[in-house]
Amino acid sequence: MAVILQITFKLSPAMLGENLIEPAMPLAQSITQEPGFISKIWTENPEQGEAGGIYLFDNRKSAQEYLDMHQKRMAQWGATDIDAKILDISQPLSKITAGPLATLF
C-alpha cells in the first residue's frame, strides 16, 4: 500500500530558493532511482529557514529505508531539527480529491 513520507528540517535561508536548485539536481535525480519511489514535492519556507518534501512511496518498507539513509545525508548538508513521518493514505477519500494521483489507487 502506498504511503506518504513527510520530511521537514531547518536549513540556512541562504541555501534555499534559487540557491538550492543547482546543488540539489544530483539529489533530485538520485531520488528517482530509489526502490518504491513514486514522486516528491519539494517544499521550502525561506523566511523561516525550513525545507523538506512530501514523498510518495509504493510501500512503507521502501519509505523507511529511504528515510534512514536520507536523514544522514540531510545532516551532511547542514540540516537540523529534522522531523519525519510516514503516513498511511486514506484511499477512498484520496480518490475523491487527488486529481491525477487518483489513478494510483
N, C-alpha and C. Protein backbone atom coordinates (compact mmCIF):
# COMPACT_ATOMS: atom_id res chain seq x y z
N MET A 1 0.83 -1.17 0.00
CA MET A 1 0.00 0.00 0.00
C MET A 1 0.88 1.25 0.00
N ALA A 2 0.55 2.22 -0.82
CA ALA A 2 1.32 3.46 -0.92
C ALA A 2 1.25 4.24 0.38
N VAL A 3 2.36 4.93 0.69
CA VAL A 3 2.46 5.77 1.89
C VAL A 3 3.08 7.11 1.52
N ILE A 4 2.83 8.07 2.39
CA ILE A 4 3.45 9.40 2.30
C ILE A 4 4.60 9.46 3.29
N LEU A 5 5.73 9.99 2.87
CA LEU A 5 6.83 10.32 3.76
C LEU A 5 6.92 11.83 3.77
N GLN A 6 6.71 12.41 4.94
CA GLN A 6 6.74 13.87 5.09
C GLN A 6 7.99 14.24 5.89
N ILE A 7 8.84 15.07 5.32
CA ILE A 7 10.08 15.47 5.98
C ILE A 7 10.16 16.99 6.01
N THR A 8 10.50 17.55 7.18
CA THR A 8 10.81 18.97 7.29
C THR A 8 12.09 19.11 8.10
N PHE A 9 12.83 20.18 7.84
CA PHE A 9 14.07 20.42 8.55
C PHE A 9 14.46 21.87 8.42
N LYS A 10 15.35 22.31 9.28
CA LYS A 10 15.90 23.66 9.22
C LYS A 10 17.15 23.63 8.35
N LEU A 11 17.27 24.68 7.52
CA LEU A 11 18.42 24.84 6.65
C LEU A 11 18.65 26.33 6.49
N SER A 12 19.88 26.73 6.35
CA SER A 12 20.19 28.15 6.20
C SER A 12 19.37 28.74 5.06
N PRO A 13 18.69 29.87 5.29
CA PRO A 13 17.93 30.51 4.21
C PRO A 13 18.79 30.81 2.98
N ALA A 14 20.10 30.99 3.18
CA ALA A 14 20.99 31.25 2.06
C ALA A 14 21.12 30.06 1.13
N MET A 15 20.74 28.88 1.60
CA MET A 15 20.82 27.66 0.78
C MET A 15 19.50 27.34 0.08
N LEU A 16 18.47 28.15 0.29
CA LEU A 16 17.15 27.85 -0.25
C LEU A 16 16.85 28.66 -1.51
N GLY A 17 15.68 28.45 -2.06
CA GLY A 17 15.26 29.19 -3.26
C GLY A 17 16.14 28.84 -4.45
N GLU A 18 16.49 29.84 -5.20
CA GLU A 18 17.31 29.64 -6.39
C GLU A 18 18.67 29.02 -6.05
N ASN A 19 19.17 29.26 -4.84
CA ASN A 19 20.47 28.73 -4.44
C ASN A 19 20.46 27.22 -4.22
N LEU A 20 19.28 26.64 -4.07
CA LEU A 20 19.19 25.20 -3.84
C LEU A 20 19.11 24.40 -5.14
N ILE A 21 18.61 25.02 -6.19
CA ILE A 21 18.29 24.26 -7.41
C ILE A 21 19.49 23.52 -7.99
N GLU A 22 20.54 24.21 -8.30
CA GLU A 22 21.69 23.53 -8.93
C GLU A 22 22.35 22.50 -8.02
N PRO A 23 22.65 22.84 -6.74
CA PRO A 23 23.26 21.82 -5.89
C PRO A 23 22.37 20.60 -5.65
N ALA A 24 21.05 20.78 -5.72
CA ALA A 24 20.15 19.67 -5.44
C ALA A 24 19.81 18.83 -6.67
N MET A 25 20.25 19.23 -7.84
CA MET A 25 19.93 18.47 -9.06
C MET A 25 20.39 17.01 -8.97
N PRO A 26 21.63 16.73 -8.58
CA PRO A 26 22.03 15.32 -8.47
C PRO A 26 21.19 14.56 -7.44
N LEU A 27 20.82 15.23 -6.35
CA LEU A 27 19.97 14.61 -5.35
C LEU A 27 18.61 14.28 -5.96
N ALA A 28 18.02 15.22 -6.66
CA ALA A 28 16.71 15.00 -7.27
C ALA A 28 16.75 13.82 -8.24
N GLN A 29 17.82 13.75 -9.01
CA GLN A 29 17.94 12.64 -9.97
C GLN A 29 18.13 11.32 -9.26
N SER A 30 18.88 11.30 -8.16
CA SER A 30 19.11 10.04 -7.45
C SER A 30 17.84 9.55 -6.75
N ILE A 31 17.02 10.46 -6.27
CA ILE A 31 15.78 10.06 -5.59
C ILE A 31 14.91 9.24 -6.52
N THR A 32 14.89 9.58 -7.79
CA THR A 32 14.03 8.86 -8.74
C THR A 32 14.43 7.41 -8.90
N GLN A 33 15.64 7.04 -8.46
CA GLN A 33 16.12 5.66 -8.59
C GLN A 33 15.90 4.84 -7.32
N GLU A 34 15.35 5.46 -6.28
CA GLU A 34 15.15 4.75 -5.02
C GLU A 34 14.05 3.71 -5.14
N PRO A 35 14.24 2.53 -4.54
CA PRO A 35 13.19 1.50 -4.57
C PRO A 35 11.88 2.02 -4.00
N GLY A 36 10.79 1.76 -4.70
CA GLY A 36 9.47 2.13 -4.22
C GLY A 36 9.08 3.58 -4.42
N PHE A 37 10.02 4.42 -4.89
CA PHE A 37 9.73 5.84 -5.06
C PHE A 37 8.73 6.07 -6.19
N ILE A 38 7.74 6.94 -5.93
CA ILE A 38 6.78 7.33 -6.96
C ILE A 38 6.94 8.80 -7.31
N SER A 39 6.94 9.69 -6.29
CA SER A 39 7.07 11.13 -6.58
C SER A 39 7.48 11.89 -5.34
N LYS A 40 7.91 13.13 -5.57
CA LYS A 40 8.26 14.04 -4.47
C LYS A 40 7.82 15.45 -4.83
N ILE A 41 7.27 16.14 -3.84
CA ILE A 41 7.02 17.57 -3.94
C ILE A 41 8.02 18.24 -3.01
N TRP A 42 8.83 19.12 -3.56
CA TRP A 42 9.84 19.84 -2.78
C TRP A 42 9.17 21.02 -2.08
N THR A 43 9.47 21.22 -0.79
CA THR A 43 8.85 22.30 -0.03
C THR A 43 9.93 23.16 0.61
N GLU A 44 9.60 24.45 0.77
CA GLU A 44 10.52 25.33 1.49
C GLU A 44 9.80 26.59 1.97
N ASN A 45 10.33 27.15 3.03
CA ASN A 45 9.88 28.41 3.59
C ASN A 45 11.14 29.20 3.91
N PRO A 46 11.67 29.95 2.94
CA PRO A 46 12.94 30.65 3.16
C PRO A 46 12.91 31.62 4.33
N GLU A 47 11.75 32.24 4.58
CA GLU A 47 11.68 33.20 5.69
C GLU A 47 11.93 32.53 7.04
N GLN A 48 11.55 31.27 7.16
CA GLN A 48 11.74 30.52 8.40
C GLN A 48 12.95 29.59 8.36
N GLY A 49 13.63 29.52 7.21
CA GLY A 49 14.77 28.61 7.09
C GLY A 49 14.35 27.16 7.16
N GLU A 50 13.19 26.84 6.56
CA GLU A 50 12.68 25.48 6.58
C GLU A 50 12.59 24.93 5.16
N ALA A 51 12.85 23.65 5.05
CA ALA A 51 12.73 22.97 3.77
C ALA A 51 12.28 21.54 4.04
N GLY A 52 12.03 20.83 2.96
CA GLY A 52 11.63 19.43 3.12
C GLY A 52 10.96 18.91 1.87
N GLY A 53 10.13 17.91 2.08
CA GLY A 53 9.45 17.32 0.95
C GLY A 53 8.32 16.41 1.37
N ILE A 54 7.46 16.17 0.42
CA ILE A 54 6.37 15.22 0.59
C ILE A 54 6.59 14.17 -0.49
N TYR A 55 6.88 12.97 -0.05
CA TYR A 55 7.24 11.87 -0.94
C TYR A 55 6.09 10.87 -0.99
N LEU A 56 5.95 10.24 -2.11
CA LEU A 56 5.01 9.14 -2.25
C LEU A 56 5.82 7.89 -2.60
N PHE A 57 5.70 6.87 -1.74
CA PHE A 57 6.36 5.58 -1.96
C PHE A 57 5.29 4.52 -2.11
N ASP A 58 5.61 3.46 -2.83
CA ASP A 58 4.60 2.43 -3.05
C ASP A 58 4.49 1.43 -1.89
N ASN A 59 5.38 1.58 -0.87
CA ASN A 59 5.28 0.72 0.31
C ASN A 59 6.04 1.34 1.47
N ARG A 60 5.64 0.97 2.67
CA ARG A 60 6.22 1.52 3.91
C ARG A 60 7.69 1.14 4.08
N LYS A 61 8.07 -0.08 3.73
CA LYS A 61 9.46 -0.53 3.89
C LYS A 61 10.41 0.34 3.08
N SER A 62 10.07 0.62 1.83
CA SER A 62 10.92 1.47 1.00
C SER A 62 11.01 2.88 1.55
N ALA A 63 9.88 3.41 2.03
CA ALA A 63 9.88 4.76 2.62
C ALA A 63 10.79 4.81 3.84
N GLN A 64 10.72 3.79 4.70
CA GLN A 64 11.55 3.78 5.90
C GLN A 64 13.03 3.64 5.56
N GLU A 65 13.35 2.79 4.61
CA GLU A 65 14.75 2.63 4.20
C GLU A 65 15.30 3.92 3.60
N TYR A 66 14.49 4.59 2.79
CA TYR A 66 14.92 5.87 2.23
C TYR A 66 15.13 6.89 3.34
N LEU A 67 14.19 6.97 4.27
CA LEU A 67 14.30 7.92 5.38
C LEU A 67 15.56 7.69 6.19
N ASP A 68 15.85 6.45 6.52
CA ASP A 68 17.05 6.13 7.30
C ASP A 68 18.31 6.64 6.60
N MET A 69 18.39 6.44 5.30
CA MET A 69 19.55 6.90 4.53
C MET A 69 19.55 8.42 4.39
N HIS A 70 18.38 8.99 4.10
CA HIS A 70 18.29 10.42 3.78
C HIS A 70 18.53 11.31 5.00
N GLN A 71 18.17 10.85 6.19
CA GLN A 71 18.44 11.66 7.38
C GLN A 71 19.94 11.91 7.55
N LYS A 72 20.74 10.91 7.27
CA LYS A 72 22.19 11.08 7.35
C LYS A 72 22.67 12.07 6.30
N ARG A 73 22.13 11.95 5.09
CA ARG A 73 22.52 12.84 4.00
C ARG A 73 22.12 14.29 4.32
N MET A 74 20.92 14.50 4.87
CA MET A 74 20.47 15.85 5.21
C MET A 74 21.38 16.48 6.26
N ALA A 75 21.79 15.69 7.24
CA ALA A 75 22.69 16.20 8.27
C ALA A 75 24.01 16.64 7.66
N GLN A 76 24.50 15.93 6.65
CA GLN A 76 25.74 16.31 5.97
C GLN A 76 25.57 17.64 5.23
N TRP A 77 24.35 17.94 4.80
CA TRP A 77 24.07 19.22 4.14
C TRP A 77 23.91 20.36 5.14
N GLY A 78 23.94 20.04 6.44
CA GLY A 78 23.79 21.06 7.47
C GLY A 78 22.37 21.21 7.98
N ALA A 79 21.49 20.29 7.64
CA ALA A 79 20.11 20.35 8.12
C ALA A 79 20.05 20.03 9.61
N THR A 80 19.18 20.72 10.31
CA THR A 80 18.95 20.47 11.73
C THR A 80 17.44 20.34 11.96
N ASP A 81 17.08 19.96 13.16
CA ASP A 81 15.66 19.83 13.54
C ASP A 81 14.88 19.00 12.50
N ILE A 82 15.45 17.88 12.13
CA ILE A 82 14.83 17.02 11.12
C ILE A 82 13.62 16.32 11.74
N ASP A 83 12.48 16.49 11.10
CA ASP A 83 11.25 15.85 11.54
C ASP A 83 10.69 15.05 10.37
N ALA A 84 10.38 13.80 10.61
CA ALA A 84 9.89 12.94 9.53
C ALA A 84 8.77 12.05 10.03
N LYS A 85 7.80 11.81 9.15
CA LYS A 85 6.67 10.94 9.46
C LYS A 85 6.34 10.12 8.24
N ILE A 86 6.00 8.87 8.47
CA ILE A 86 5.46 8.03 7.40
C ILE A 86 3.97 7.87 7.70
N LEU A 87 3.16 8.24 6.74
CA LEU A 87 1.71 8.28 6.94
C LEU A 87 1.00 7.37 5.95
N ASP A 88 -0.01 6.66 6.44
CA ASP A 88 -0.87 5.89 5.54
C ASP A 88 -1.76 6.86 4.76
N ILE A 89 -2.26 6.39 3.65
CA ILE A 89 -3.13 7.19 2.79
C ILE A 89 -4.55 6.64 2.87
N SER A 90 -5.50 7.51 3.08
CA SER A 90 -6.90 7.11 3.02
C SER A 90 -7.29 7.06 1.55
N GLN A 91 -7.25 5.87 1.00
CA GLN A 91 -7.51 5.74 -0.44
C GLN A 91 -8.91 6.16 -0.85
N PRO A 92 -9.97 5.80 -0.13
CA PRO A 92 -11.31 6.21 -0.57
C PRO A 92 -11.46 7.73 -0.66
N LEU A 93 -10.95 8.46 0.35
CA LEU A 93 -11.07 9.92 0.32
C LEU A 93 -10.11 10.53 -0.70
N SER A 94 -8.92 9.96 -0.83
CA SER A 94 -7.96 10.49 -1.79
C SER A 94 -8.44 10.32 -3.22
N LYS A 95 -9.20 9.27 -3.49
CA LYS A 95 -9.76 9.10 -4.84
C LYS A 95 -10.65 10.28 -5.20
N ILE A 96 -11.35 10.82 -4.23
CA ILE A 96 -12.24 11.94 -4.48
C ILE A 96 -11.46 13.22 -4.74
N THR A 97 -10.36 13.44 -4.02
CA THR A 97 -9.67 14.73 -4.05
C THR A 97 -8.33 14.76 -4.76
N ALA A 98 -7.79 13.63 -5.18
CA ALA A 98 -6.39 13.57 -5.60
C ALA A 98 -6.12 13.95 -7.05
N GLY A 99 -7.11 14.18 -7.87
CA GLY A 99 -6.82 14.53 -9.24
C GLY A 99 -5.99 13.46 -9.93
N PRO A 100 -4.82 13.83 -10.47
CA PRO A 100 -4.02 12.87 -11.22
C PRO A 100 -3.55 11.67 -10.41
N LEU A 101 -3.38 11.82 -9.10
CA LEU A 101 -2.92 10.71 -8.27
C LEU A 101 -4.00 9.67 -8.07
N ALA A 102 -5.24 10.01 -8.33
CA ALA A 102 -6.33 9.06 -8.11
C ALA A 102 -6.13 7.78 -8.91
N THR A 103 -5.39 7.84 -10.00
CA THR A 103 -5.16 6.64 -10.81
C THR A 103 -4.24 5.65 -10.10
N LEU A 104 -3.54 6.07 -9.06
CA LEU A 104 -2.66 5.17 -8.32
C LEU A 104 -3.42 4.24 -7.40
N PHE A 105 -4.65 4.56 -7.09
CA PHE A 105 -5.41 3.79 -6.11
C PHE A 105 -6.36 2.85 -6.82
